[in-house]
């Protein structure tokens, strides 16, 4: 309030003894028996040092004895910036001031904006598939433990963005939210130079800036006659997009309504690419406040968002980035933070399933079993769990096929209706919120909608019968901060739960 920062918003918390809060109270200038207030919304258990430091910083301020070195977090890339230079850059140009003066004087001017390509126009970017990541030795786990050969799909995002940026640097721009090291947006910084803009932790403004920059680049393209279509990339943590950044994403919708009419009165494309990291149940060491479980539902609340993708592993993430940047549309990557195995081809344990030879599909058949009448339909970084469950179902003589959904918007409804017609039991599996007993959300909701909309057609193909549906995912809106296997087992995604779900549909 007094401008002396840092500023903390104090949610409901608890008072505990310093010895129960800090591993070493003296380190934080506290007596062991001293009462310490602990915020109710502190992050997970994964960043113990940072959490202790934040609590100690608040405590010192509350008792009027601030720490000599208060703990800061994510002041990051804006640290040491020249304030005067920033303010100068934000000052109105003479052209902008003149436009404002004309508006104030009551004069008007018509302008026809013809720079917009259709959303499905090819960007014509150059892209060579980088060296694929090797298959994880522990892709199918014996005891629920993984080895060091697991990778985050973010690794795939990194190498794909780097490849794109190096070969198409004159046509790309990025607006970062001080989280480029996590979202992997930072991979673009070197190749595109000054067009990598650091907006700081202000998702609303950053996403709006990305949308505005896309218009500017399109106008420049129209004037220059360049062949490739420019794109602007932005991104941040899933929870921030679901919360404060959501308004920025929605405003892209409004901007397209205002500026994007084509001859038929419909909006066309806006080449903004959103990298949404930290989706799903796996908080990892960043804690639960950085993560979101509603990525699939979010993209359907944004009507102008044309396409949305969810990765299976690091190699699949490369294919997603390539596909996202192939067209001049508004699209989003919905990716996790934490580790997952790199999946192999069926029967070829040394070859990656999603290697350079894999052709893009919205729905992929991963493993097939002769005579299967049950299927697992998976999205997100838990494909390996479906494969593990398939092994267990095979032991119970339940033949099961496994499919992966990599593109959730537009939803591949026709393909899903085919699956609903072909199988007696279909279980969806996702790393997100699926609703409680009275509802279906995420992938589960989309598949349920396909069944409802195609009821007559599906029943006719099945001689009057209908398939039975099951859903696997989190029934809770948020999770604790723990190891992935612990989280999955606690929140309804254990191998046993998947097997029981398929068995229960008989």
Protein backbone atom coordinates (compact mmCIF):
# COMPACT_ATOMS: atom_id res chain seq x y z
CA UNK A 1 0.00 0.00 0.00
CA UNK A 2 2.88 2.34 0.80
CA UNK A 3 4.85 1.28 -2.26
CA UNK A 4 7.69 -0.23 -0.23
CA UNK A 5 7.02 -3.88 -1.32
CA UNK A 6 7.09 -6.79 -1.39
CA UNK A 7 3.32 -7.04 -1.16
CA UNK A 8 1.68 -10.17 0.20
CA UNK A 9 -2.01 -11.06 0.11
CA UNK A 10 -2.74 -12.86 3.37
CA UNK A 11 -5.29 -15.65 2.97
CA UNK A 12 -6.60 -17.62 5.92
CA UNK A 13 -3.69 -19.30 7.68
CA UNK A 14 -2.64 -20.95 10.92
CA UNK A 15 -0.29 -20.06 13.78
CA UNK A 16 2.37 -22.64 14.62
CA UNK A 17 5.60 -22.79 16.61
CA UNK A 18 8.74 -21.89 14.70
CA UNK A 19 10.30 -25.30 15.45
CA UNK A 20 7.37 -26.96 13.66
CA UNK A 21 7.67 -24.69 10.64
CA UNK A 22 11.41 -24.30 10.02
CA UNK A 23 14.07 -26.96 9.84
CA UNK A 24 16.42 -24.40 11.44
CA UNK A 25 14.52 -21.48 13.10
CA UNK A 26 17.75 -19.63 13.95
CA UNK A 27 18.56 -19.40 10.25
CA UNK A 28 15.44 -17.23 9.88
CA UNK A 29 16.09 -15.14 13.01
CA UNK A 30 13.42 -16.99 15.04
CA UNK A 31 13.31 -18.65 18.46
CA UNK A 32 12.17 -22.29 18.42
CA UNK A 33 9.10 -21.53 20.58
CA UNK A 34 8.10 -18.36 18.73
CA UNK A 35 4.61 -18.21 17.22
CA UNK A 36 4.75 -18.01 13.40
CA UNK A 37 1.82 -17.36 11.09
CA UNK A 38 1.70 -19.75 8.09
CA UNK A 39 -0.35 -18.69 5.03
CA UNK A 40 -3.14 -21.03 4.01
CA UNK A 41 -2.25 -20.98 0.30
CA UNK A 42 1.47 -21.64 0.50
CA UNK A 43 2.75 -23.75 -2.40
CA UNK A 44 3.37 -27.49 -2.18
CA UNK A 45 5.98 -29.38 -0.21
CA UNK A 46 8.36 -29.39 -3.14
CA UNK A 47 10.13 -26.04 -2.66
CA UNK A 48 10.84 -26.24 1.06
CA UNK A 49 13.54 -23.57 1.13
CA UNK A 50 11.44 -21.05 -0.76
CA UNK A 51 8.39 -21.76 1.41
CA UNK A 52 10.37 -21.33 4.60
CA UNK A 53 11.82 -18.10 3.27
CA UNK A 54 8.42 -16.64 2.34
CA UNK A 55 6.97 -17.54 5.75
CA UNK A 56 10.01 -16.05 7.50
CA UNK A 57 9.83 -12.89 5.37
CA UNK A 58 6.16 -12.38 6.26
CA UNK A 59 6.88 -13.16 9.91
CA UNK A 60 9.71 -10.62 10.06
CA UNK A 61 7.53 -7.91 8.55
CA UNK A 62 4.65 -8.68 10.90
CA UNK A 63 6.79 -8.34 14.00
CA UNK A 64 8.49 -5.19 12.69
CA UNK A 65 11.90 -6.79 12.17
CA UNK A 66 12.23 -7.51 8.45
CA UNK A 67 14.83 -10.03 7.35
CA UNK A 68 18.11 -8.58 6.19
CA UNK A 69 17.66 -10.53 2.94
CA UNK A 70 13.96 -11.18 2.32
CA UNK A 71 13.26 -14.12 0.03
CA UNK A 72 12.16 -13.16 -3.45
CA UNK A 73 10.80 -15.52 -6.06
CA UNK A 74 10.41 -14.94 -9.79
CA UNK A 75 11.56 -11.34 -9.91
CA UNK A 76 13.57 -13.09 -12.58
CA UNK A 77 14.13 -11.64 -16.00
CA UNK A 78 12.97 -8.10 -15.23
CA UNK A 79 15.54 -7.69 -12.48
CA UNK A 80 17.81 -4.72 -13.10
CA UNK A 81 15.74 -3.28 -15.94
CA UNK A 82 16.01 0.46 -16.60
CA UNK A 83 12.67 1.92 -15.48
CA UNK A 84 13.10 5.14 -17.44
CA UNK A 85 13.85 3.19 -20.59
CA UNK A 86 10.70 1.10 -20.14
CA UNK A 87 8.54 4.17 -19.56
CA UNK A 88 10.07 5.87 -22.56
CA UNK A 89 9.30 2.88 -24.75
CA UNK A 90 5.67 3.00 -23.57
CA UNK A 91 5.29 6.69 -24.43
CA UNK A 92 2.95 7.56 -27.28
CA UNK A 93 4.53 8.06 -30.68
CA UNK A 94 3.63 11.21 -32.63
CA UNK A 95 1.41 9.12 -34.92
CA UNK A 96 -0.43 7.63 -31.94
CA UNK A 97 -0.83 11.02 -30.28
CA UNK A 98 -2.16 12.47 -33.54
CA UNK A 99 -4.72 9.66 -33.82
CA UNK A 100 -5.90 10.31 -30.26
CA UNK A 101 -6.14 14.06 -30.94
CA UNK A 102 -8.30 13.38 -34.00
CA UNK A 103 -10.63 11.20 -31.96
CA UNK A 104 -10.91 13.84 -29.27
CA UNK A 105 -11.73 16.48 -31.88
CA UNK A 106 -14.62 14.40 -33.16
CA UNK A 107 -13.18 13.64 -36.58
CA UNK A 108 -13.51 10.11 -37.96
CA UNK A 109 -11.59 7.97 -40.38
CA UNK A 110 -12.47 4.68 -42.07
CA UNK A 111 -9.84 2.01 -42.45
CA UNK A 112 -10.14 -1.33 -44.21
CA UNK A 113 -7.96 -4.04 -42.73
CA UNK A 114 -7.18 -6.71 -45.32
CA UNK A 115 -4.06 -8.24 -43.85
CA UNK A 116 -5.74 -11.22 -42.23
CA UNK A 117 -5.17 -14.67 -43.74
CA UNK A 118 -7.81 -17.32 -43.21
CA UNK A 119 -7.26 -19.41 -40.09
CA UNK A 120 -6.43 -22.52 -42.12
CA UNK A 121 -3.85 -20.78 -44.31
CA UNK A 122 -0.50 -22.55 -44.32
CA UNK A 123 2.28 -20.56 -42.63
CA UNK A 124 4.80 -22.26 -44.97
CA UNK A 125 7.39 -22.55 -42.19
CA UNK A 126 10.52 -24.66 -42.64
CA UNK A 127 10.80 -27.47 -40.09
CA UNK A 128 13.08 -30.48 -39.82
CA UNK A 129 12.23 -33.02 -37.12
CA UNK A 130 15.03 -32.91 -34.52
CA UNK A 131 16.74 -36.07 -33.34
CA UNK A 132 14.01 -38.03 -31.48
CA UNK A 133 14.33 -38.76 -27.81
CA UNK A 134 15.24 -42.41 -27.08
CA UNK A 135 12.62 -44.77 -25.71
CA UNK A 136 12.50 -44.99 -21.92
CA UNK A 137 13.71 -48.29 -20.55
CA UNK A 138 11.08 -48.13 -17.82
CA UNK A 139 8.10 -47.18 -19.99
CA UNK A 140 6.09 -50.03 -18.46
CA UNK A 141 6.76 -50.06 -14.76
CA UNK A 142 7.06 -53.20 -12.70
CA UNK A 143 6.71 -51.62 -9.27
CA UNK A 144 5.38 -48.11 -9.90
CA UNK A 145 8.88 -46.60 -9.95
CA UNK A 146 10.56 -44.83 -12.85
CA UNK A 147 14.16 -44.38 -13.82
CA UNK A 148 16.20 -41.40 -14.90
CA UNK A 149 15.31 -42.07 -18.53
CA UNK A 150 11.94 -40.36 -18.18
CA UNK A 151 11.57 -36.89 -19.73
CA UNK A 152 9.17 -34.03 -19.48
CA UNK A 153 7.25 -33.32 -22.72
CA UNK A 154 8.64 -29.79 -22.24
CA UNK A 155 11.91 -31.13 -23.66
CA UNK A 156 10.10 -31.73 -26.93
CA UNK A 157 8.60 -28.24 -26.84
CA UNK A 158 12.10 -26.84 -26.34
CA UNK A 159 13.78 -28.51 -29.31
CA UNK A 160 10.76 -27.88 -31.58
CA UNK A 161 10.57 -24.16 -30.75
CA UNK A 162 14.30 -23.85 -31.25
CA UNK A 163 14.11 -25.56 -34.65
CA UNK A 164 11.20 -23.36 -35.73
CA UNK A 165 12.84 -20.16 -34.51
CA UNK A 166 16.17 -20.81 -36.16
CA UNK A 167 14.63 -21.52 -39.56
CA UNK A 168 11.78 -18.97 -39.50
CA UNK A 169 13.18 -16.24 -37.24
CA UNK A 170 11.99 -13.35 -39.40
CA UNK A 171 8.37 -14.44 -39.02
CA UNK A 172 8.17 -15.18 -35.29
CA UNK A 173 7.72 -13.17 -32.13
CA UNK A 174 7.30 -14.25 -28.50
CA UNK A 175 5.88 -12.60 -25.39
CA UNK A 176 7.16 -14.26 -22.22
CA UNK A 177 5.70 -14.03 -18.70
CA UNK A 178 8.98 -14.46 -16.81
CA UNK A 179 8.49 -18.22 -17.03
CA UNK A 180 10.24 -19.03 -20.30
CA UNK A 181 12.57 -21.48 -18.59
CA UNK A 182 9.56 -23.49 -17.45
CA UNK A 183 7.29 -23.18 -20.45
CA UNK A 184 10.35 -23.52 -22.75
CA UNK A 185 9.44 -20.32 -24.56
CA UNK A 186 12.99 -19.19 -23.78
CA UNK A 187 14.21 -21.51 -26.54
CA UNK A 188 13.06 -18.82 -28.99
CA UNK A 189 14.98 -15.99 -27.34
CA UNK A 190 18.33 -16.47 -29.04
CA UNK A 191 17.14 -17.00 -32.62
CA UNK A 192 14.51 -14.23 -32.75
CA UNK A 193 16.49 -11.65 -30.75
CA UNK A 194 14.64 -8.41 -30.04
CA UNK A 195 11.31 -9.94 -30.96
CA UNK A 196 11.48 -12.00 -27.76
CA UNK A 197 9.66 -9.65 -25.35
CA UNK A 198 9.74 -10.07 -21.58
CA UNK A 199 6.37 -8.94 -20.19
CA UNK A 200 6.90 -10.08 -16.60
CA UNK A 201 4.35 -11.86 -14.46
CA UNK A 202 1.31 -10.15 -15.92
CA UNK A 203 -0.55 -12.73 -17.95
CA UNK A 204 -3.46 -10.49 -18.85
CA UNK A 205 -1.26 -7.84 -20.42
CA UNK A 206 1.17 -10.33 -21.91
CA UNK A 207 -1.47 -12.28 -23.82
CA UNK A 208 -3.07 -9.05 -25.04
CA UNK A 209 0.35 -7.83 -26.18
CA UNK A 210 0.84 -11.08 -28.12
CA UNK A 211 -2.52 -10.66 -29.84
CA UNK A 212 -1.79 -7.02 -30.69
CA UNK A 213 1.66 -7.91 -31.98
CA UNK A 214 0.12 -10.49 -34.29
CA UNK A 215 -1.95 -7.74 -35.92
CA UNK A 216 1.10 -5.55 -36.31
CA UNK A 217 3.13 -8.32 -37.93
CA UNK A 218 0.26 -9.15 -40.28
CA UNK A 219 0.02 -5.53 -41.37
CA UNK A 220 3.77 -5.42 -42.03
CA UNK A 221 3.50 -8.63 -44.02
CA UNK A 222 0.70 -7.19 -46.15
CA UNK A 223 2.81 -4.13 -46.88
CA UNK A 224 5.97 -6.07 -47.68
CA UNK A 225 4.41 -8.92 -49.63
CA UNK A 226 6.38 -11.58 -47.75
CA UNK A 227 5.31 -15.16 -48.36
CA UNK A 228 5.32 -16.79 -44.90
CA UNK A 229 2.62 -15.85 -42.40
CA UNK A 230 3.97 -14.48 -39.08
CA UNK A 231 3.03 -15.97 -35.71
CA UNK A 232 3.31 -14.72 -32.14
CA UNK A 233 3.90 -17.21 -29.33
CA UNK A 234 3.15 -16.70 -25.65
CA UNK A 235 2.72 -18.92 -22.63
CA UNK A 236 2.59 -19.37 -18.89
CA UNK A 237 1.52 -21.84 -16.21
CA UNK A 238 -1.86 -23.54 -16.59
CA UNK A 239 -3.28 -22.19 -13.34
CA UNK A 240 -2.49 -18.63 -14.37
CA UNK A 241 -4.21 -19.11 -17.72
CA UNK A 242 -7.23 -20.55 -15.93
CA UNK A 243 -7.28 -17.59 -13.55
CA UNK A 244 -5.91 -14.13 -14.16
CA UNK A 245 -4.62 -14.83 -17.67
CA UNK A 246 -7.99 -16.11 -18.77
CA UNK A 247 -9.23 -12.58 -19.40
CA UNK A 248 -6.38 -12.01 -21.82
CA UNK A 249 -7.22 -15.19 -23.70
CA UNK A 250 -10.86 -14.18 -23.92
CA UNK A 251 -9.90 -10.76 -25.17
CA UNK A 252 -8.28 -12.39 -28.18
CA UNK A 253 -11.83 -13.56 -28.93
CA UNK A 254 -13.08 -9.99 -28.68
CA UNK A 255 -10.25 -8.70 -30.86
CA UNK A 256 -11.14 -11.20 -33.55
CA UNK A 257 -14.78 -10.13 -33.39
CA UNK A 258 -13.79 -6.48 -33.73
CA UNK A 259 -11.21 -6.85 -36.46
CA UNK A 260 -11.57 -10.23 -38.07
CA UNK A 261 -14.72 -10.30 -40.20
CA UNK A 262 -14.45 -11.94 -43.56
CA UNK A 263 -16.87 -11.56 -46.46
CA UNK A 264 -19.33 -13.98 -44.89
CA UNK A 265 -19.36 -12.20 -41.56
CA UNK A 266 -17.34 -14.90 -39.80
CA UNK A 267 -14.08 -14.38 -37.97
CA UNK A 268 -10.95 -15.72 -39.59
CA UNK A 269 -7.63 -16.46 -37.94
CA UNK A 270 -5.29 -14.80 -35.52
CA UNK A 271 -1.83 -16.44 -35.49
CA UNK A 272 -1.27 -16.57 -31.72
CA UNK A 273 0.21 -19.76 -30.24
CA UNK A 274 -0.18 -20.34 -26.49
CA UNK A 275 2.14 -22.69 -24.59
CA UNK A 276 0.29 -23.71 -21.44
CA UNK A 277 2.72 -25.53 -19.16
CA UNK A 278 2.06 -27.22 -15.79
CA UNK A 279 -1.28 -28.75 -16.76
CA UNK A 280 -2.64 -31.78 -14.97
CA UNK A 281 -2.28 -33.47 -11.61
CA UNK A 282 1.53 -33.52 -11.40
CA UNK A 283 2.64 -30.50 -9.36
CA UNK A 284 6.26 -31.57 -9.11
CA UNK A 285 8.39 -29.26 -7.03
CA UNK A 286 6.56 -26.10 -8.15
CA UNK A 287 3.57 -26.84 -5.94
CA UNK A 288 -0.14 -26.94 -6.57
CA UNK A 289 -0.70 -23.21 -7.07
CA UNK A 290 1.12 -23.36 -10.42
CA UNK A 291 -0.95 -26.20 -11.86
CA UNK A 292 -4.34 -26.59 -13.51
CA UNK A 293 -6.66 -29.55 -13.96
CA UNK A 294 -9.09 -27.88 -16.35
CA UNK A 295 -7.11 -27.33 -19.56
CA UNK A 296 -9.53 -29.20 -21.83
CA UNK A 297 -12.57 -27.45 -20.38
CA UNK A 298 -10.83 -24.07 -20.70
CA UNK A 299 -10.24 -24.38 -24.44
CA UNK A 300 -13.93 -25.01 -25.03
CA UNK A 301 -14.82 -21.84 -23.16
CA UNK A 302 -12.77 -19.90 -25.71
CA UNK A 303 -14.81 -20.10 -28.94
CA UNK A 304 -12.22 -18.45 -31.21
CA UNK A 305 -9.46 -20.80 -30.07
CA UNK A 306 -9.33 -23.02 -33.14
CA UNK A 307 -7.17 -25.94 -32.05
CA UNK A 308 -5.82 -27.41 -28.81
CA UNK A 309 -3.32 -30.23 -28.33
CA UNK A 310 -2.23 -32.51 -25.45
CA UNK A 311 1.10 -34.41 -25.57
CA UNK A 312 1.74 -38.08 -24.83
CA UNK A 313 5.51 -37.75 -24.41
CA UNK A 314 8.45 -35.56 -25.45
CA UNK A 315 8.50 -36.81 -29.06
CA UNK A 316 4.77 -36.30 -29.46
CA UNK A 317 5.22 -32.74 -28.15
CA UNK A 318 7.57 -32.04 -31.10
CA UNK A 319 4.84 -33.11 -33.50
CA UNK A 320 2.34 -30.87 -31.69
CA UNK A 321 4.51 -27.74 -31.98
CA UNK A 322 5.09 -28.47 -35.67
CA UNK A 323 1.33 -28.90 -36.21
CA UNK A 324 0.42 -25.81 -34.15
CA UNK A 325 2.66 -23.59 -36.24
CA UNK A 326 1.61 -25.16 -39.54
CA UNK A 327 -1.55 -23.03 -39.79
CA UNK A 328 -2.25 -19.34 -39.19
CA UNK A 329 -4.71 -19.91 -36.37
CA UNK A 330 -5.14 -19.29 -32.65
CA UNK A 331 -4.10 -22.53 -30.96
CA UNK A 332 -2.85 -23.89 -27.64
CA UNK A 333 -0.51 -26.57 -26.30
CA UNK A 334 -1.81 -28.10 -23.05
CA UNK A 335 1.28 -29.69 -21.52
CA UNK A 336 2.47 -31.00 -18.16
CA UNK A 337 5.50 -30.01 -16.14
CA UNK A 338 6.66 -33.34 -14.84
CA UNK A 339 8.31 -36.44 -16.23
CA UNK A 340 6.75 -39.19 -18.31
CA UNK A 341 8.29 -42.10 -20.24
CA UNK A 342 9.09 -41.89 -23.94
CA UNK A 343 6.77 -44.48 -25.51
CA UNK A 344 7.96 -47.22 -27.90
CA UNK A 345 6.27 -48.72 -30.94
CA UNK A 346 4.29 -51.90 -30.24
CA UNK A 347 6.63 -54.86 -30.57
CA UNK A 348 9.62 -52.59 -31.28
CA UNK A 349 10.95 -51.54 -27.88
CA UNK A 350 13.93 -49.63 -29.33
CA UNK A 351 11.91 -47.39 -31.68
CA UNK A 352 9.95 -44.37 -30.43
CA UNK A 353 6.24 -44.48 -31.25
CA UNK A 354 6.13 -40.78 -32.12
CA UNK A 355 9.37 -40.61 -34.06
CA UNK A 356 10.04 -38.59 -37.25
CA UNK A 357 8.20 -41.16 -39.40
CA UNK A 358 4.95 -40.80 -37.44
CA UNK A 359 2.26 -38.93 -39.37
CA UNK A 360 0.04 -36.50 -37.51
CA UNK A 361 -3.26 -37.94 -36.28
CA UNK A 362 -5.82 -36.51 -33.88
CA UNK A 363 -6.54 -40.03 -32.61
CA UNK A 364 -3.86 -42.72 -32.77
CA UNK A 365 -4.20 -46.46 -32.34
CA UNK A 366 -1.34 -47.28 -29.99
CA UNK A 367 -1.83 -50.99 -29.31
CA UNK A 368 -4.40 -53.42 -30.69
CA UNK A 369 -5.41 -56.90 -29.53
CA UNK A 370 -7.30 -59.38 -31.68
CA UNK A 371 -10.95 -59.63 -30.73
CA UNK A 372 -10.87 -56.70 -28.30
CA UNK A 373 -14.28 -55.41 -27.25
CA UNK A 374 -12.88 -52.99 -24.66
CA UNK A 375 -10.84 -49.86 -25.34
CA UNK A 376 -8.96 -47.24 -23.36
CA UNK A 377 -9.12 -43.75 -24.87
CA UNK A 378 -6.29 -41.68 -23.37
CA UNK A 379 -5.08 -38.11 -23.50
CA UNK A 380 -2.15 -36.48 -21.74
CA UNK A 381 1.13 -37.76 -20.28
CA UNK A 382 -0.40 -40.93 -18.79
CA UNK A 383 -0.44 -43.09 -21.91
CA UNK A 384 2.00 -45.37 -20.13
CA UNK A 385 -0.59 -45.99 -17.42
CA UNK A 386 -3.10 -47.15 -20.01
CA UNK A 387 -0.49 -49.55 -21.41
CA UNK A 388 0.25 -50.88 -17.92
CA UNK A 389 -3.47 -51.37 -17.30
CA UNK A 390 -3.78 -53.15 -20.65
CA UNK A 391 -1.13 -55.65 -19.50
CA UNK A 392 -3.09 -56.33 -16.30
CA UNK A 393 -6.36 -56.68 -18.22
CA UNK A 394 -4.69 -59.21 -20.54
CA UNK A 395 -3.88 -61.36 -17.50
CA UNK A 396 -7.61 -61.33 -16.71
CA UNK A 397 -8.42 -62.39 -20.30
CA UNK A 398 -9.94 -58.99 -21.14
CA UNK A 399 -8.62 -58.02 -24.57
CA UNK A 400 -8.23 -54.23 -24.69
CA UNK A 401 -7.15 -51.76 -27.34
CA UNK A 402 -5.45 -48.44 -26.49
CA UNK A 403 -5.96 -45.16 -28.38
CA UNK A 404 -4.40 -41.76 -27.79
CA UNK A 405 -6.17 -38.43 -28.39
CA UNK A 406 -3.57 -35.77 -29.19
CA UNK A 407 -5.90 -33.07 -30.49
CA UNK A 408 -8.83 -32.23 -28.23
CA UNK A 409 -10.12 -29.24 -30.21
CA UNK A 410 -11.74 -29.47 -32.63
CA UNK A 411 -12.68 -32.79 -31.10
CA UNK A 412 -12.33 -35.75 -33.50
CA UNK A 413 -15.99 -36.61 -33.04
CA UNK A 414 -16.36 -38.76 -36.17
CA UNK A 415 -13.46 -41.02 -35.13
CA UNK A 416 -14.75 -41.28 -31.57
CA UNK A 417 -18.22 -42.25 -32.83
CA UNK A 418 -16.52 -45.04 -34.81
CA UNK A 419 -14.93 -46.28 -31.59
CA UNK A 420 -18.22 -46.05 -29.73
CA UNK A 421 -19.76 -48.23 -32.44
CA UNK A 422 -16.91 -50.77 -32.40
CA UNK A 423 -16.48 -51.47 -28.66
CA UNK A 424 -18.75 -52.69 -25.88
CA UNK A 425 -16.70 -50.93 -23.20
CA UNK A 426 -14.90 -47.61 -23.60
CA UNK A 427 -12.99 -45.99 -20.72
CA UNK A 428 -11.52 -42.50 -20.96
CA UNK A 429 -8.27 -41.81 -19.12
CA UNK A 430 -6.89 -38.32 -18.55
CA UNK A 431 -4.54 -36.35 -16.34
CA UNK A 432 -7.16 -33.81 -15.24
CA UNK A 433 -10.56 -33.12 -13.71
CA UNK A 434 -13.29 -35.48 -14.95
CA UNK A 435 -16.18 -34.33 -12.75
CA UNK A 436 -17.85 -36.06 -9.82
CA UNK A 437 -20.50 -38.78 -10.09
CA UNK A 438 -23.12 -36.37 -11.41
CA UNK A 439 -21.12 -34.98 -14.35
CA UNK A 440 -18.42 -35.62 -16.93
CA UNK A 441 -15.73 -33.06 -17.71
CA UNK A 442 -12.65 -32.93 -19.91
CA UNK A 443 -12.17 -35.83 -22.31
CA UNK A 444 -14.82 -37.82 -20.45
CA UNK A 445 -17.35 -35.07 -21.12
CA UNK A 446 -16.44 -34.80 -24.79
CA UNK A 447 -16.83 -38.55 -25.34
CA UNK A 448 -20.14 -38.57 -23.46
CA UNK A 449 -21.31 -35.76 -25.75
CA UNK A 450 -20.32 -37.79 -28.82
CA UNK A 451 -22.39 -40.70 -27.58
CA UNK A 452 -25.40 -38.45 -26.93
CA UNK A 453 -25.19 -36.70 -30.29
CA UNK A 454 -24.63 -39.90 -32.26
CA UNK A 455 -27.03 -42.07 -30.31
CA UNK A 456 -29.24 -43.19 -33.21
CA UNK A 457 -26.34 -43.84 -35.57
CA UNK A 458 -24.33 -45.76 -32.95
CA UNK A 459 -27.33 -47.83 -31.81
CA UNK A 460 -28.13 -48.72 -35.43
CA UNK A 461 -24.57 -49.93 -36.08
CA UNK A 462 -24.68 -51.98 -32.87
CA UNK A 463 -28.08 -53.57 -33.58
CA UNK A 464 -29.80 -51.53 -30.91
CA UNK A 465 -27.28 -51.83 -28.08
CA UNK A 466 -25.07 -49.03 -26.74
CA UNK A 467 -21.50 -49.11 -25.44
CA UNK A 468 -20.86 -48.65 -21.73
CA UNK A 469 -18.68 -45.71 -20.76
CA UNK A 470 -16.28 -45.26 -17.85
CA UNK A 471 -14.04 -42.37 -16.85
CA UNK A 472 -10.66 -42.27 -15.12
CA UNK A 473 -9.22 -38.99 -13.86
CA UNK A 474 -9.34 -36.74 -10.83
CA UNK A 475 -12.72 -36.31 -9.14
CA UNK A 476 -11.19 -33.44 -7.15
CA UNK A 477 -10.52 -29.95 -8.43
CA UNK A 478 -6.98 -29.79 -7.07
CA UNK A 479 -4.26 -32.12 -5.79
CA UNK A 480 -1.50 -32.20 -3.23
CA UNK A 481 2.15 -31.68 -4.07
CA UNK A 482 3.85 -35.08 -4.22
CA UNK A 483 5.57 -37.57 -6.48
CA UNK A 484 3.58 -38.40 -9.64
CA UNK A 485 2.92 -42.04 -8.74
CA UNK A 486 1.66 -41.02 -5.30
CA UNK A 487 -0.68 -38.43 -6.77
CA UNK A 488 -2.07 -40.76 -9.42
CA UNK A 489 -2.68 -43.54 -6.93
CA UNK A 490 -4.38 -41.21 -4.46
CA UNK A 491 -6.58 -39.36 -6.95
CA UNK A 492 -8.16 -42.23 -8.86
CA UNK A 493 -5.63 -42.96 -11.62
CA UNK A 494 -4.01 -46.07 -10.18
CA UNK A 495 -3.54 -49.09 -12.43
CA UNK A 496 -5.91 -51.01 -10.17
CA UNK A 497 -8.59 -48.34 -10.56
CA UNK A 498 -8.31 -48.42 -14.36
CA UNK A 499 -8.63 -52.22 -14.37
CA UNK A 500 -11.62 -52.11 -12.00
CA UNK A 501 -13.32 -49.51 -14.17
CA UNK A 502 -13.04 -51.68 -17.30
CA UNK A 503 -14.13 -54.79 -15.39
CA UNK A 504 -17.08 -52.96 -13.85
CA UNK A 505 -18.55 -52.13 -17.26
CA UNK A 506 -19.15 -55.81 -18.13
